[in-house]
């Protein structure tokens, strides 16, 4: 009979059923993200939904495939800085550049004015 001390850390490896179910959820979320690309939705809603789905997928990957599910502090220290960096990049780099380039879009050749003789 084997006894474990209170301070012993047991490492949970997971089961094949668990990993397959997480993989199926990741596949479903990816399919949902692809589906969003085919429907007409306001851009801001699309971005918020895609960002939320990406955060959920990242959390699933880190929690189950990187085995941080039972290490809450490490999980939080992995996900939160990544989300903060992504939000900062969007607000400080990508959005201002996209708004600037929106005014630079090619509008097509202006039609020449009809000449009157």
Protein backbone atom coordinates (compact mmCIF):
# COMPACT_ATOMS: atom_id res chain seq x y z
CA UNK A 1 0.00 0.00 0.00
CA UNK A 2 1.41 3.35 -1.07
CA UNK A 3 0.69 6.47 0.93
CA UNK A 4 1.25 9.99 -0.24
CA UNK A 5 2.29 12.82 1.99
CA UNK A 6 0.17 15.95 1.98
CA UNK A 7 2.88 17.95 0.19
CA UNK A 8 3.44 15.43 -2.63
CA UNK A 9 2.68 16.82 -6.05
CA UNK A 10 0.97 14.45 -8.40
CA UNK A 11 1.20 15.38 -12.04
CA UNK A 12 -2.05 14.86 -13.92
CA UNK A 13 -1.23 13.56 -17.38
CA UNK A 14 -4.80 13.45 -18.67
CA UNK A 15 -6.58 10.81 -20.65
CA UNK A 16 -7.00 10.28 -24.36
CA UNK A 17 -10.74 10.98 -24.03
CA UNK A 18 -10.01 14.36 -22.40
CA UNK A 19 -7.51 15.38 -25.08
CA UNK A 20 -9.84 14.33 -27.89
CA UNK A 21 -12.73 16.29 -26.37
CA UNK A 22 -10.53 19.40 -26.03
CA UNK A 23 -9.38 18.93 -29.63
CA UNK A 24 -13.01 18.67 -30.78
CA UNK A 25 -13.86 21.91 -28.93
CA UNK A 26 -10.89 23.62 -30.59
CA UNK A 27 -12.06 22.32 -33.96
CA UNK A 28 -15.61 23.57 -33.34
CA UNK A 29 -14.36 27.01 -32.29
CA UNK A 30 -12.19 27.21 -35.41
CA UNK A 31 -15.17 26.20 -37.57
CA UNK A 32 -17.24 28.90 -35.86
CA UNK A 33 -14.54 31.49 -36.61
CA UNK A 34 -14.47 30.44 -40.27
CA UNK A 35 -18.29 30.60 -40.39
CA UNK A 36 -18.14 34.19 -39.11
CA UNK A 37 -16.11 35.08 -42.18
CA UNK A 38 -18.99 34.12 -44.44
CA UNK A 39 -21.82 36.04 -42.75
CA UNK A 40 -22.48 39.75 -42.85
CA UNK A 41 -21.77 41.12 -39.41
CA UNK A 42 -20.65 44.59 -38.31
CA UNK A 43 -16.87 44.71 -38.05
CA UNK A 44 -16.77 45.61 -34.36
CA UNK A 45 -18.99 42.63 -33.44
CA UNK A 46 -16.86 40.37 -35.63
CA UNK A 47 -13.65 41.54 -33.94
CA UNK A 48 -15.03 41.13 -30.42
CA UNK A 49 -16.38 37.64 -31.15
CA UNK A 50 -13.15 36.53 -32.86
CA UNK A 51 -11.02 37.92 -30.04
CA UNK A 52 -13.18 36.15 -27.45
CA UNK A 53 -13.03 32.84 -29.33
CA UNK A 54 -9.26 33.17 -29.71
CA UNK A 55 -8.83 33.79 -25.99
CA UNK A 56 -10.93 30.71 -25.21
CA UNK A 57 -8.88 28.62 -27.64
CA UNK A 58 -5.61 29.90 -26.16
CA UNK A 59 -6.83 29.11 -22.64
CA UNK A 60 -7.82 25.56 -23.67
CA UNK A 61 -4.44 24.95 -25.30
CA UNK A 62 -2.47 26.31 -22.37
CA UNK A 63 -4.63 24.57 -19.76
CA UNK A 64 -4.76 21.10 -21.28
CA UNK A 65 -1.97 20.65 -23.83
CA UNK A 66 0.63 22.58 -21.82
CA UNK A 67 -0.68 20.95 -18.60
CA UNK A 68 -1.21 24.20 -16.70
CA UNK A 69 -4.80 23.45 -15.69
CA UNK A 70 -3.87 22.70 -12.10
CA UNK A 71 -1.28 25.46 -11.89
CA UNK A 72 -3.67 28.40 -11.71
CA UNK A 73 -0.99 31.03 -11.13
CA UNK A 74 1.05 29.91 -14.13
CA UNK A 75 -2.10 29.76 -16.24
CA UNK A 76 -3.05 33.32 -15.29
CA UNK A 77 0.53 34.53 -15.76
CA UNK A 78 0.51 33.02 -19.26
CA UNK A 79 -2.90 34.19 -20.51
CA UNK A 80 -3.28 37.67 -18.97
CA UNK A 81 -0.04 39.23 -20.27
CA UNK A 82 -0.70 37.81 -23.73
CA UNK A 83 -4.19 39.34 -23.79
CA UNK A 84 -2.88 42.69 -22.53
CA UNK A 85 -0.13 42.73 -25.18
CA UNK A 86 -2.63 41.87 -27.92
CA UNK A 87 -5.01 44.63 -26.84
CA UNK A 88 -2.15 47.15 -26.64
CA UNK A 89 -0.92 46.17 -30.09
CA UNK A 90 -4.41 46.56 -31.53
CA UNK A 91 -5.04 49.92 -29.89
CA UNK A 92 -1.60 51.45 -30.38
CA UNK A 93 -0.38 49.91 -33.64
CA UNK A 94 -2.96 48.21 -35.82
CA UNK A 95 -6.03 50.43 -35.36
CA UNK A 96 -4.28 53.79 -35.91
CA UNK A 97 -2.51 52.41 -38.97
CA UNK A 98 -5.73 50.97 -40.39
CA UNK A 99 -7.58 54.26 -39.84
CA UNK A 100 -4.75 56.13 -41.55
CA UNK A 101 -4.70 53.75 -44.49
CA UNK A 102 -8.50 53.90 -44.84
CA UNK A 103 -8.13 57.43 -46.23
CA UNK A 104 -5.48 56.24 -48.67
CA UNK A 105 -7.67 53.64 -50.35
CA UNK A 106 -7.85 53.71 -54.11
CA UNK A 107 -11.19 55.21 -55.09
CA UNK A 108 -10.98 54.40 -58.78
CA UNK A 109 -10.23 56.68 -61.67
CA UNK A 110 -12.41 59.76 -61.77
CA UNK A 111 -14.46 59.91 -64.90
CA UNK A 112 -13.37 62.71 -67.21
CA UNK A 113 -15.75 65.60 -67.47
CA UNK A 114 -17.85 65.58 -70.60
CA UNK A 115 -16.58 68.15 -73.04
CA UNK A 116 -19.17 70.48 -74.46
CA UNK A 117 -18.62 71.67 -78.05
